[in-house]
Amino acid sequence: MKKKDIVKDKREFTKIIKIGKKVHNNSFVIYYLKNSIEHSRYGISVGSKLGNAVFRNKYKRRIRMLINENNSLYDKKYDYIILLRKNAINLSYQELKKEFNQLIDKLKES
């Protein structure tokens, strides 16, 4: 994931969450909104209620790995915000990957 592929601005995060559509399951929520640039961008959020900074960074790294493994699955010209839910913290990486892939399939259908 390159720096140009990351949504970091708080206003953009808020805009995507408020205006965009969402798909969700027990482990993740993905908000998405069409953008005006030629590539898709991603933002990741792991709430502070889930754990300390070390824990949150660990799960952000896992989510980035999932994004990089499935990069061809996403529609281009969309911004995505991926939120981790509390139910995901008890899952192994393989289970997390399965949940994420199911959500991506759901995203393709909508």
PDB file of N, CA and C in Angstrom:
ATOM      1  N   MET A   1       0.849  -1.165   0.000  1.00  0.00           N
ATOM      2  CA  MET A   1       0.000   0.000   0.000  1.00  0.00           C
ATOM      3  C   MET A   1       0.899   1.233   0.000  1.00  0.00           C
ATOM      4  N   LYS A   2       0.684   2.097  -0.957  1.00  0.00           N
ATOM      5  CA  LYS A   2       1.486   3.312  -1.075  1.00  0.00           C
ATOM      6  C   LYS A   2       0.806   4.449  -0.331  1.00  0.00           C
ATOM      7  N   LYS A   3       1.571   5.499  -0.060  1.00  0.00           N
ATOM      8  CA  LYS A   3       1.010   6.639   0.674  1.00  0.00           C
ATOM      9  C   LYS A   3      -0.153   7.279  -0.069  1.00  0.00           C
ATOM     10  N   LYS A   4      -0.119   7.251  -1.396  1.00  0.00           N
ATOM     11  CA  LYS A   4      -1.218   7.851  -2.161  1.00  0.00           C
ATOM     12  C   LYS A   4      -2.508   7.040  -2.037  1.00  0.00           C
ATOM     13  N   ASP A   5      -2.395   5.808  -1.549  1.00  0.00           N
ATOM     14  CA  ASP A   5      -3.554   4.929  -1.410  1.00  0.00           C
ATOM     15  C   ASP A   5      -4.199   5.002  -0.032  1.00  0.00           C
ATOM     16  N   ILE A   6      -3.752   5.930   0.819  1.00  0.00           N
ATOM     17  CA  ILE A   6      -4.232   5.989   2.193  1.00  0.00           C
ATOM     18  C   ILE A   6      -5.074   7.246   2.409  1.00  0.00           C
ATOM     19  N   VAL A   7      -6.218   7.071   3.063  1.00  0.00           N
ATOM     20  CA  VAL A   7      -7.046   8.198   3.484  1.00  0.00           C
ATOM     21  C   VAL A   7      -6.611   8.520   4.905  1.00  0.00           C
ATOM     22  N   LYS A   8      -6.069   9.736   5.113  1.00  0.00           N
ATOM     23  CA  LYS A   8      -5.598  10.106   6.440  1.00  0.00           C
ATOM     24  C   LYS A   8      -6.335  11.313   7.010  1.00  0.00           C
ATOM     25  N   ASP A   9      -6.845  12.156   6.155  1.00  0.00           N
ATOM     26  CA  ASP A   9      -7.472  13.393   6.593  1.00  0.00           C
ATOM     27  C   ASP A   9      -8.768  13.112   7.351  1.00  0.00           C
ATOM     28  N   LYS A  10      -8.929  13.715   8.508  1.00  0.00           N
ATOM     29  CA  LYS A  10     -10.111  13.478   9.341  1.00  0.00           C
ATOM     30  C   LYS A  10     -11.395  13.884   8.627  1.00  0.00           C
ATOM     31  N   ARG A  11     -11.346  14.975   7.848  1.00  0.00           N
ATOM     32  CA  ARG A  11     -12.535  15.415   7.115  1.00  0.00           C
ATOM     33  C   ARG A  11     -12.957  14.394   6.072  1.00  0.00           C
ATOM     34  N   GLU A  12     -11.984  13.787   5.390  1.00  0.00           N
ATOM     35  CA  GLU A  12     -12.300  12.749   4.405  1.00  0.00           C
ATOM     36  C   GLU A  12     -12.877  11.507   5.086  1.00  0.00           C
ATOM     37  N   PHE A  13     -12.291  11.105   6.214  1.00  0.00           N
ATOM     38  CA  PHE A  13     -12.832   9.972   6.980  1.00  0.00           C
ATOM     39  C   PHE A  13     -14.296  10.225   7.315  1.00  0.00           C
ATOM     40  N   THR A  14     -14.564  11.410   7.872  1.00  0.00           N
ATOM     41  CA  THR A  14     -15.925  11.755   8.287  1.00  0.00           C
ATOM     42  C   THR A  14     -16.872  11.788   7.103  1.00  0.00           C
ATOM     43  N   LYS A  15     -16.426  12.344   5.983  1.00  0.00           N
ATOM     44  CA  LYS A  15     -17.261  12.425   4.780  1.00  0.00           C
ATOM     45  C   LYS A  15     -17.626  11.031   4.278  1.00  0.00           C
ATOM     46  N   ILE A  16     -16.647  10.141   4.221  1.00  0.00           N
ATOM     47  CA  ILE A  16     -16.895   8.783   3.725  1.00  0.00           C
ATOM     48  C   ILE A  16     -17.856   8.047   4.652  1.00  0.00           C
ATOM     49  N   ILE A  17     -17.694   8.226   5.948  1.00  0.00           N
ATOM     50  CA  ILE A  17     -18.558   7.541   6.902  1.00  0.00           C
ATOM     51  C   ILE A  17     -19.971   8.102   6.874  1.00  0.00           C
ATOM     52  N   LYS A  18     -20.105   9.419   6.788  1.00  0.00           N
ATOM     53  CA  LYS A  18     -21.437  10.035   6.823  1.00  0.00           C
ATOM     54  C   LYS A  18     -22.206   9.870   5.514  1.00  0.00           C
ATOM     55  N   ILE A  19     -21.524  10.032   4.373  1.00  0.00           N
ATOM     56  CA  ILE A  19     -22.203  10.020   3.073  1.00  0.00           C
ATOM     57  C   ILE A  19     -22.187   8.639   2.420  1.00  0.00           C
ATOM     58  N   GLY A  20     -21.114   7.896   2.634  1.00  0.00           N
ATOM     59  CA  GLY A  20     -20.933   6.631   1.938  1.00  0.00           C
ATOM     60  C   GLY A  20     -21.869   5.529   2.393  1.00  0.00           C
ATOM     61  N   LYS A  21     -21.859   4.461   1.638  1.00  0.00           N
ATOM     62  CA  LYS A  21     -22.643   3.272   1.967  1.00  0.00           C
ATOM     63  C   LYS A  21     -21.778   2.356   2.814  1.00  0.00           C
ATOM     64  N   LYS A  22     -22.396   1.351   3.436  1.00  0.00           N
ATOM     65  CA  LYS A  22     -21.605   0.448   4.260  1.00  0.00           C
ATOM     66  C   LYS A  22     -22.055  -0.992   4.099  1.00  0.00           C
ATOM     67  N   VAL A  23     -21.115  -1.881   4.331  1.00  0.00           N
ATOM     68  CA  VAL A  23     -21.376  -3.308   4.465  1.00  0.00           C
ATOM     69  C   VAL A  23     -20.703  -3.735   5.763  1.00  0.00           C
ATOM     70  N   HIS A  24     -21.278  -4.718   6.438  1.00  0.00           N
ATOM     71  CA  HIS A  24     -20.711  -5.105   7.723  1.00  0.00           C
ATOM     72  C   HIS A  24     -20.984  -6.567   8.023  1.00  0.00           C
ATOM     73  N   ASN A  25     -20.177  -7.087   8.921  1.00  0.00           N
ATOM     74  CA  ASN A  25     -20.391  -8.402   9.505  1.00  0.00           C
ATOM     75  C   ASN A  25     -19.963  -8.326  10.962  1.00  0.00           C
ATOM     76  N   ASN A  26     -19.744  -9.445  11.611  1.00  0.00           N
ATOM     77  CA  ASN A  26     -19.418  -9.440  13.040  1.00  0.00           C
ATOM     78  C   ASN A  26     -18.033  -8.876  13.338  1.00  0.00           C
ATOM     79  N   SER A  27     -17.132  -8.875  12.374  1.00  0.00           N
ATOM     80  CA  SER A  27     -15.753  -8.466  12.620  1.00  0.00           C
ATOM     81  C   SER A  27     -15.379  -7.112  12.048  1.00  0.00           C
ATOM     82  N   PHE A  28     -16.012  -6.711  10.955  1.00  0.00           N
ATOM     83  CA  PHE A  28     -15.628  -5.482  10.257  1.00  0.00           C
ATOM     84  C   PHE A  28     -16.847  -4.663   9.842  1.00  0.00           C
ATOM     85  N   VAL A  29     -16.603  -3.389   9.621  1.00  0.00           N
ATOM     86  CA  VAL A  29     -17.547  -2.508   8.938  1.00  0.00           C
ATOM     87  C   VAL A  29     -16.731  -1.814   7.848  1.00  0.00           C
ATOM     88  N   ILE A  30     -17.218  -1.830   6.623  1.00  0.00           N
ATOM     89  CA  ILE A  30     -16.538  -1.134   5.532  1.00  0.00           C
ATOM     90  C   ILE A  30     -17.485  -0.088   4.960  1.00  0.00           C
ATOM     91  N   TYR A  31     -17.050   1.166   5.032  1.00  0.00           N
ATOM     92  CA  TYR A  31     -17.760   2.272   4.392  1.00  0.00           C
ATOM     93  C   TYR A  31     -17.063   2.541   3.073  1.00  0.00           C
ATOM     94  N   TYR A  32     -17.836   2.847   2.043  1.00  0.00           N
ATOM     95  CA  TYR A  32     -17.228   3.124   0.749  1.00  0.00           C
ATOM     96  C   TYR A  32     -17.971   4.256   0.052  1.00  0.00           C
ATOM     97  N   LEU A  33     -17.215   5.022  -0.725  1.00  0.00           N
ATOM     98  CA  LEU A  33     -17.743   6.183  -1.425  1.00  0.00           C
ATOM     99  C   LEU A  33     -16.934   6.390  -2.691  1.00  0.00           C
ATOM    100  N   LYS A  34     -17.614   6.685  -3.779  1.00  0.00           N
ATOM    101  CA  LYS A  34     -16.934   6.931  -5.053  1.00  0.00           C
ATOM    102  C   LYS A  34     -16.085   8.186  -4.932  1.00  0.00           C
ATOM    103  N   ASN A  35     -14.867   8.130  -5.483  1.00  0.00           N
ATOM    104  CA  ASN A  35     -13.992   9.305  -5.454  1.00  0.00           C
ATOM    105  C   ASN A  35     -13.733   9.810  -6.865  1.00  0.00           C
ATOM    106  N   SER A  36     -13.021  10.911  -6.961  1.00  0.00           N
ATOM    107  CA  SER A  36     -12.787  11.537  -8.270  1.00  0.00           C
ATOM    108  C   SER A  36     -11.371  11.299  -8.781  1.00  0.00           C
ATOM    109  N   ILE A  37     -10.619  10.431  -8.139  1.00  0.00           N
ATOM    110  CA  ILE A  37      -9.261  10.150  -8.597  1.00  0.00           C
ATOM    111  C   ILE A  37      -9.230   8.785  -9.276  1.00  0.00           C
ATOM    112  N   GLU A  38      -8.107   8.443  -9.852  1.00  0.00           N
ATOM    113  CA  GLU A  38      -8.010   7.256 -10.701  1.00  0.00           C
ATOM    114  C   GLU A  38      -7.749   5.949  -9.958  1.00  0.00           C
ATOM    115  N   HIS A  39      -7.581   5.998  -8.656  1.00  0.00           N
ATOM    116  CA  HIS A  39      -7.290   4.776  -7.903  1.00  0.00           C
ATOM    117  C   HIS A  39      -8.096   4.763  -6.609  1.00  0.00           C
ATOM    118  N   SER A  40      -8.187   3.597  -6.002  1.00  0.00           N
ATOM    119  CA  SER A  40      -8.922   3.487  -4.740  1.00  0.00           C
ATOM    120  C   SER A  40      -7.986   3.812  -3.576  1.00  0.00           C
ATOM    121  N   ARG A  41      -8.585   4.274  -2.478  1.00  0.00           N
ATOM    122  CA  ARG A  41      -7.828   4.592  -1.272  1.00  0.00           C
ATOM    123  C   ARG A  41      -8.473   3.897  -0.084  1.00  0.00           C
ATOM    124  N   TYR A  42      -7.683   3.700   0.963  1.00  0.00           N
ATOM    125  CA  TYR A  42      -8.133   2.950   2.123  1.00  0.00           C
ATOM    126  C   TYR A  42      -7.799   3.698   3.392  1.00  0.00           C
ATOM    127  N   GLY A  43      -8.695   3.608   4.346  1.00  0.00           N
ATOM    128  CA  GLY A  43      -8.437   4.116   5.681  1.00  0.00           C
ATOM    129  C   GLY A  43      -8.782   3.012   6.659  1.00  0.00           C
ATOM    130  N   ILE A  44      -7.986   2.884   7.706  1.00  0.00           N
ATOM    131  CA  ILE A  44      -8.188   1.826   8.686  1.00  0.00           C
ATOM    132  C   ILE A  44      -8.376   2.478  10.046  1.00  0.00           C
ATOM    133  N   SER A  45      -9.361   1.979  10.793  1.00  0.00           N
ATOM    134  CA  SER A  45      -9.591   2.502  12.125  1.00  0.00           C
ATOM    135  C   SER A  45      -9.813   1.347  13.099  1.00  0.00           C
ATOM    136  N   VAL A  46      -9.028   1.369  14.165  1.00  0.00           N
ATOM    137  CA  VAL A  46      -9.186   0.422  15.256  1.00  0.00           C
ATOM    138  C   VAL A  46      -9.395   1.279  16.500  1.00  0.00           C
ATOM    139  N   GLY A  47     -10.555   1.175  17.106  1.00  0.00           N
ATOM    140  CA  GLY A  47     -10.913   2.033  18.227  1.00  0.00           C
ATOM    141  C   GLY A  47     -10.035   1.839  19.454  1.00  0.00           C
ATOM    142  N   SER A  48      -9.853   2.911  20.217  1.00  0.00           N
ATOM    143  CA  SER A  48      -9.002   2.849  21.408  1.00  0.00           C
ATOM    144  C   SER A  48      -9.614   1.996  22.511  1.00  0.00           C
ATOM    145  N   LYS A  49     -10.910   1.737  22.437  1.00  0.00           N
ATOM    146  CA  LYS A  49     -11.552   0.880  23.437  1.00  0.00           C
ATOM    147  C   LYS A  49     -11.148  -0.589  23.283  1.00  0.00           C
ATOM    148  N   LEU A  50     -10.621  -0.949  22.135  1.00  0.00           N
ATOM    149  CA  LEU A  50     -10.260  -2.346  21.889  1.00  0.00           C
ATOM    150  C   LEU A  50      -8.945  -2.740  22.551  1.00  0.00           C
ATOM    151  N   GLY A  51      -8.050  -1.784  22.769  1.00  0.00           N
ATOM    152  CA  GLY A  51      -6.776  -2.131  23.389  1.00  0.00           C
ATOM    153  C   GLY A  51      -5.811  -0.965  23.355  1.00  0.00           C
ATOM    154  N   ASN A  52      -4.602  -1.226  23.832  1.00  0.00           N
ATOM    155  CA  ASN A  52      -3.585  -0.175  23.853  1.00  0.00           C
ATOM    156  C   ASN A  52      -2.987   0.030  22.463  1.00  0.00           C
ATOM    157  N   ALA A  53      -2.032   0.933  22.351  1.00  0.00           N
ATOM    158  CA  ALA A  53      -1.466   1.303  21.051  1.00  0.00           C
ATOM    159  C   ALA A  53      -0.782   0.126  20.361  1.00  0.00           C
ATOM    160  N   VAL A  54      -0.092  -0.695  21.119  1.00  0.00           N
ATOM    161  CA  VAL A  54       0.580  -1.858  20.546  1.00  0.00           C
ATOM    162  C   VAL A  54      -0.441  -2.804  19.923  1.00  0.00           C
ATOM    163  N   PHE A  55      -1.521  -3.052  20.632  1.00  0.00           N
ATOM    164  CA  PHE A  55      -2.594  -3.923  20.148  1.00  0.00           C
ATOM    165  C   PHE A  55      -3.232  -3.346  18.886  1.00  0.00           C
ATOM    166  N   ARG A  56      -3.569  -2.054  18.909  1.00  0.00           N
ATOM    167  CA  ARG A  56      -4.221  -1.416  17.760  1.00  0.00           C
ATOM    168  C   ARG A  56      -3.318  -1.445  16.533  1.00  0.00           C
ATOM    169  N   ASN A  57      -2.029  -1.188  16.709  1.00  0.00           N
ATOM    170  CA  ASN A  57      -1.099  -1.221  15.582  1.00  0.00           C
ATOM    171  C   ASN A  57      -0.955  -2.622  15.013  1.00  0.00           C
ATOM    172  N   LYS A  58      -0.989  -3.619  15.863  1.00  0.00           N
ATOM    173  CA  LYS A  58      -0.928  -5.015  15.412  1.00  0.00           C
ATOM    174  C   LYS A  58      -2.104  -5.318  14.485  1.00  0.00           C
ATOM    175  N   TYR A  59      -3.294  -4.910  14.896  1.00  0.00           N
ATOM    176  CA  TYR A  59      -4.466  -5.181  14.064  1.00  0.00           C
ATOM    177  C   TYR A  59      -4.497  -4.319  12.812  1.00  0.00           C
ATOM    178  N   LYS A  60      -3.950  -3.122  12.861  1.00  0.00           N
ATOM    179  CA  LYS A  60      -3.842  -2.307  11.641  1.00  0.00           C
ATOM    180  C   LYS A  60      -2.911  -2.982  10.640  1.00  0.00           C
ATOM    181  N   ARG A  61      -1.807  -3.542  11.129  1.00  0.00           N
ATOM    182  CA  ARG A  61      -0.895  -4.267  10.241  1.00  0.00           C
ATOM    183  C   ARG A  61      -1.591  -5.472   9.619  1.00  0.00           C
ATOM    184  N   ARG A  62      -2.374  -6.186  10.409  1.00  0.00           N
ATOM    185  CA  ARG A  62      -3.105  -7.344   9.876  1.00  0.00           C
ATOM    186  C   ARG A  62      -4.096  -6.913   8.802  1.00  0.00           C
ATOM    187  N   ILE A  63      -4.801  -5.823   9.032  1.00  0.00           N
ATOM    188  CA  ILE A  63      -5.775  -5.346   8.049  1.00  0.00           C
ATOM    189  C   ILE A  63      -5.057  -4.886   6.783  1.00  0.00           C
ATOM    190  N   ARG A  64      -3.906  -4.223   6.925  1.00  0.00           N
ATOM    191  CA  ARG A  64      -3.140  -3.824   5.731  1.00  0.00           C
ATOM    192  C   ARG A  64      -2.694  -5.041   4.934  1.00  0.00           C
ATOM    193  N   MET A  65      -2.315  -6.117   5.635  1.00  0.00           N
ATOM    194  CA  MET A  65      -1.946  -7.364   4.943  1.00  0.00           C
ATOM    195  C   MET A  65      -3.139  -7.917   4.161  1.00  0.00           C
ATOM    196  N   LEU A  66      -4.315  -7.893   4.769  1.00  0.00           N
ATOM    197  CA  LEU A  66      -5.521  -8.368   4.086  1.00  0.00           C
ATOM    198  C   LEU A  66      -5.814  -7.524   2.852  1.00  0.00           C
ATOM    199  N   ILE A  67      -5.633  -6.220   2.962  1.00  0.00           N
ATOM    200  CA  ILE A  67      -5.864  -5.324   1.829  1.00  0.00           C
ATOM    201  C   ILE A  67      -4.874  -5.626   0.715  1.00  0.00           C
ATOM    202  N   ASN A  68      -3.605  -5.794   1.056  1.00  0.00           N
ATOM    203  CA  ASN A  68      -2.590  -6.063   0.038  1.00  0.00           C
ATOM    204  C   ASN A  68      -2.796  -7.412  -0.641  1.00  0.00           C
ATOM    205  N   GLU A  69      -3.254  -8.406   0.095  1.00  0.00           N
ATOM    206  CA  GLU A  69      -3.506  -9.725  -0.494  1.00  0.00           C
ATOM    207  C   GLU A  69      -4.693  -9.708  -1.447  1.00  0.00           C
ATOM    208  N   ASN A  70      -5.662  -8.847  -1.188  1.00  0.00           N
ATOM    209  CA  ASN A  70      -6.900  -8.822  -1.972  1.00  0.00           C
ATOM    210  C   ASN A  70      -7.057  -7.538  -2.774  1.00  0.00           C
ATOM    211  N   ASN A  71      -5.969  -6.909  -3.126  1.00  0.00           N
ATOM    212  CA  ASN A  71      -6.028  -5.601  -3.774  1.00  0.00           C
ATOM    213  C   ASN A  71      -6.772  -5.626  -5.105  1.00  0.00           C
ATOM    214  N   SER A  72      -6.705  -6.721  -5.833  1.00  0.00           N
ATOM    215  CA  SER A  72      -7.373  -6.790  -7.135  1.00  0.00           C
ATOM    216  C   SER A  72      -8.888  -6.937  -7.009  1.00  0.00           C
ATOM    217  N   LEU A  73      -9.378  -7.257  -5.813  1.00  0.00           N
ATOM    218  CA  LEU A  73     -10.807  -7.481  -5.629  1.00  0.00           C
ATOM    219  C   LEU A  73     -11.617  -6.193  -5.558  1.00  0.00           C
ATOM    220  N   TYR A  74     -10.975  -5.102  -5.220  1.00  0.00           N
ATOM    221  CA  TYR A  74     -11.702  -3.857  -4.984  1.00  0.00           C
ATOM    222  C   TYR A  74     -11.988  -3.127  -6.283  1.00  0.00           C
ATOM    223  N   ASP A  75     -13.143  -2.458  -6.312  1.00  0.00           N
ATOM    224  CA  ASP A  75     -13.460  -1.600  -7.436  1.00  0.00           C
ATOM    225  C   ASP A  75     -12.558  -0.380  -7.389  1.00  0.00           C
ATOM    226  N   LYS A  76     -12.133   0.042  -8.541  1.00  0.00           N
ATOM    227  CA  LYS A  76     -11.300   1.238  -8.606  1.00  0.00           C
ATOM    228  C   LYS A  76     -12.177   2.472  -8.460  1.00  0.00           C
ATOM    229  N   LYS A  77     -11.546   3.566  -8.130  1.00  0.00           N
ATOM    230  CA  LYS A  77     -12.205   4.862  -7.968  1.00  0.00           C
ATOM    231  C   LYS A  77     -13.162   4.899  -6.785  1.00  0.00           C
ATOM    232  N   TYR A  78     -12.858   4.146  -5.731  1.00  0.00           N
ATOM    233  CA  TYR A  78     -13.637   4.194  -4.494  1.00  0.00           C
ATOM    234  C   TYR A  78     -12.696   4.429  -3.320  1.00  0.00           C
ATOM    235  N   ASP A  79     -13.214   5.111  -2.309  1.00  0.00           N
ATOM    236  CA  ASP A  79     -12.521   5.246  -1.043  1.00  0.00           C
ATOM    237  C   ASP A  79     -13.181   4.287  -0.063  1.00  0.00           C
ATOM    238  N   TYR A  80     -12.362   3.594   0.741  1.00  0.00           N
ATOM    239  CA  TYR A  80     -12.861   2.626   1.704  1.00  0.00           C
ATOM    240  C   TYR A  80     -12.356   2.980   3.093  1.00  0.00           C
ATOM    241  N   ILE A  81     -13.232   2.912   4.066  1.00  0.00           N
ATOM    242  CA  ILE A  81     -12.846   3.026   5.464  1.00  0.00           C
ATOM    243  C   ILE A  81     -13.189   1.693   6.116  1.00  0.00           C
ATOM    244  N   ILE A  82     -12.196   1.059   6.710  1.00  0.00           N
ATOM    245  CA  ILE A  82     -12.378  -0.258   7.315  1.00  0.00           C
ATOM    246  C   ILE A  82     -12.272  -0.099   8.831  1.00  0.00           C
ATOM    247  N   LEU A  83     -13.343  -0.454   9.519  1.00  0.00           N
ATOM    248  CA  LEU A  83     -13.382  -0.385  10.976  1.00  0.00           C
ATOM    249  C   LEU A  83     -13.355  -1.794  11.543  1.00  0.00           C
ATOM    250  N   LEU A  84     -12.559  -1.991  12.567  1.00  0.00           N
ATOM    251  CA  LEU A  84     -12.484  -3.283  13.234  1.00  0.00           C
ATOM    252  C   LEU A  84     -13.477  -3.297  14.386  1.00  0.00           C
ATOM    253  N   ARG A  85     -14.230  -4.377  14.504  1.00  0.00           N
ATOM    254  CA  ARG A  85     -15.174  -4.533  15.603  1.00  0.00           C
ATOM    255  C   ARG A  85     -14.568  -5.383  16.718  1.00  0.00           C
ATOM    256  N   LYS A  86     -15.171  -5.297  17.884  1.00  0.00           N
ATOM    257  CA  LYS A  86     -14.658  -5.993  19.054  1.00  0.00           C
ATOM    258  C   LYS A  86     -14.644  -7.511  18.879  1.00  0.00           C
ATOM    259  N   ASN A  87     -15.586  -8.061  18.129  1.00  0.00           N
ATOM    260  CA  ASN A  87     -15.653  -9.516  17.929  1.00  0.00           C
ATOM    261  C   ASN A  87     -14.425 -10.056  17.208  1.00  0.00           C
ATOM    262  N   ALA A  88     -13.709  -9.218  16.476  1.00  0.00           N
ATOM    263  CA  ALA A  88     -12.570  -9.672  15.673  1.00  0.00           C
ATOM    264  C   ALA A  88     -11.319  -9.920  16.506  1.00  0.00           C
ATOM    265  N   ILE A  89     -11.273  -9.401  17.711  1.00  0.00           N
ATOM    266  CA  ILE A  89     -10.021  -9.520  18.468  1.00  0.00           C
ATOM    267  C   ILE A  89      -9.764 -10.936  18.975  1.00  0.00           C
ATOM    268  N   ASN A  90     -10.762 -11.788  18.984  1.00  0.00           N
ATOM    269  CA  ASN A  90     -10.580 -13.170  19.440  1.00  0.00           C
ATOM    270  C   ASN A  90     -10.298 -14.136  18.295  1.00  0.00           C
ATOM    271  N   LEU A  91     -10.247 -13.631  17.070  1.00  0.00           N
ATOM    272  CA  LEU A  91     -10.066 -14.498  15.906  1.00  0.00           C
ATOM    273  C   LEU A  91      -8.594 -14.624  15.534  1.00  0.00           C
ATOM    274  N   SER A  92      -8.243 -15.768  14.982  1.00  0.00           N
ATOM    275  CA  SER A  92      -6.898 -15.943  14.432  1.00  0.00           C
ATOM    276  C   SER A  92      -6.817 -15.194  13.099  1.00  0.00           C
ATOM    277  N   TYR A  93      -5.610 -15.101  12.566  1.00  0.00           N
ATOM    278  CA  TYR A  93      -5.434 -14.394  11.295  1.00  0.00           C
ATOM    279  C   TYR A  93      -6.228 -15.072  10.180  1.00  0.00           C
ATOM    280  N   GLN A  94      -6.236 -16.392  10.147  1.00  0.00           N
ATOM    281  CA  GLN A  94      -6.957 -17.118   9.101  1.00  0.00           C
ATOM    282  C   GLN A  94      -8.464 -16.883   9.199  1.00  0.00           C
ATOM    283  N   GLU A  95      -8.996 -16.861  10.411  1.00  0.00           N
ATOM    284  CA  GLU A  95     -10.416 -16.583  10.594  1.00  0.00           C
ATOM    285  C   GLU A  95     -10.739 -15.140  10.225  1.00  0.00           C
ATOM    286  N   LEU A  96      -9.836 -14.235  10.572  1.00  0.00           N
ATOM    287  CA  LEU A  96     -10.000 -12.826  10.219  1.00  0.00           C
ATOM    288  C   LEU A  96     -10.011 -12.657   8.701  1.00  0.00           C
ATOM    289  N   LYS A  97      -9.123 -13.381   8.034  1.00  0.00           N
ATOM    290  CA  LYS A  97      -9.044 -13.342   6.575  1.00  0.00           C
ATOM    291  C   LYS A  97     -10.341 -13.862   5.955  1.00  0.00           C
ATOM    292  N   LYS A  98     -10.887 -14.929   6.498  1.00  0.00           N
ATOM    293  CA  LYS A  98     -12.130 -15.500   5.992  1.00  0.00           C
ATOM    294  C   LYS A  98     -13.279 -14.504   6.138  1.00  0.00           C
ATOM    295  N   GLU A  99     -13.385 -13.883   7.318  1.00  0.00           N
ATOM    296  CA  GLU A  99     -14.430 -12.872   7.558  1.00  0.00           C
ATOM    297  C   GLU A  99     -14.281 -11.700   6.594  1.00  0.00           C
ATOM    298  N   PHE A 100     -13.043 -11.254   6.387  1.00  0.00           N
ATOM    299  CA  PHE A 100     -12.782 -10.123   5.501  1.00  0.00           C
ATOM    300  C   PHE A 100     -13.163 -10.459   4.059  1.00  0.00           C
ATOM    301  N   ASN A 101     -12.803 -11.646   3.611  1.00  0.00           N
ATOM    302  CA  ASN A 101     -13.131 -12.061   2.243  1.00  0.00           C
ATOM    303  C   ASN A 101     -14.639 -12.185   2.044  1.00  0.00           C
ATOM    304  N   GLN A 102     -15.356 -12.663   3.049  1.00  0.00           N
ATOM    305  CA  GLN A 102     -16.811 -12.730   2.957  1.00  0.00           C
ATOM    306  C   GLN A 102     -17.404 -11.333   2.826  1.00  0.00           C
ATOM    307  N   LEU A 103     -16.833 -10.398   3.542  1.00  0.00           N
ATOM    308  CA  LEU A 103     -17.317  -9.019   3.473  1.00  0.00           C
ATOM    309  C   LEU A 103     -17.006  -8.396   2.122  1.00  0.00           C
ATOM    310  N   ILE A 104     -15.858  -8.725   1.551  1.00  0.00           N
ATOM    311  CA  ILE A 104     -15.508  -8.218   0.219  1.00  0.00           C
ATOM    312  C   ILE A 104     -16.493  -8.765  -0.818  1.00  0.00           C
ATOM    313  N   ASP A 105     -16.857 -10.039  -0.696  1.00  0.00           N
ATOM    314  CA  ASP A 105     -17.854 -10.619  -1.601  1.00  0.00           C
ATOM    315  C   ASP A 105     -19.188  -9.905  -1.462  1.00  0.00           C
ATOM    316  N   LYS A 106     -19.558  -9.592  -0.241  1.00  0.00           N
ATOM    317  CA  LYS A 106     -20.789  -8.844   0.017  1.00  0.00           C
ATOM    318  C   LYS A 106     -20.701  -7.439  -0.602  1.00  0.00           C
ATOM    319  N   LEU A 107     -19.523  -6.861  -0.541  1.00  0.00           N
ATOM    320  CA  LEU A 107     -19.289  -5.518  -1.103  1.00  0.00           C
ATOM    321  C   LEU A 107     -19.442  -5.543  -2.626  1.00  0.00           C
ATOM    322  N   LYS A 108     -18.966  -6.596  -3.258  1.00  0.00           N
ATOM    323  CA  LYS A 108     -19.088  -6.722  -4.721  1.00  0.00           C
ATOM    324  C   LYS A 108     -20.557  -6.808  -5.153  1.00  0.00           C
ATOM    325  N   GLU A 109     -21.370  -7.472  -4.334  1.00  0.00           N
ATOM    326  CA  GLU A 109     -22.788  -7.640  -4.670  1.00  0.00           C
ATOM    327  C   GLU A 109     -23.570  -6.331  -4.585  1.00  0.00           C
ATOM    328  N   SER A 110     -23.159  -5.450  -3.666  1.00  0.00           N
ATOM    329  CA  SER A 110     -23.920  -4.207  -3.483  1.00  0.00           C
ATOM    330  C   SER A 110     -23.511  -3.132  -4.460  1.00  0.00           C
TER     331      SER A 110
END
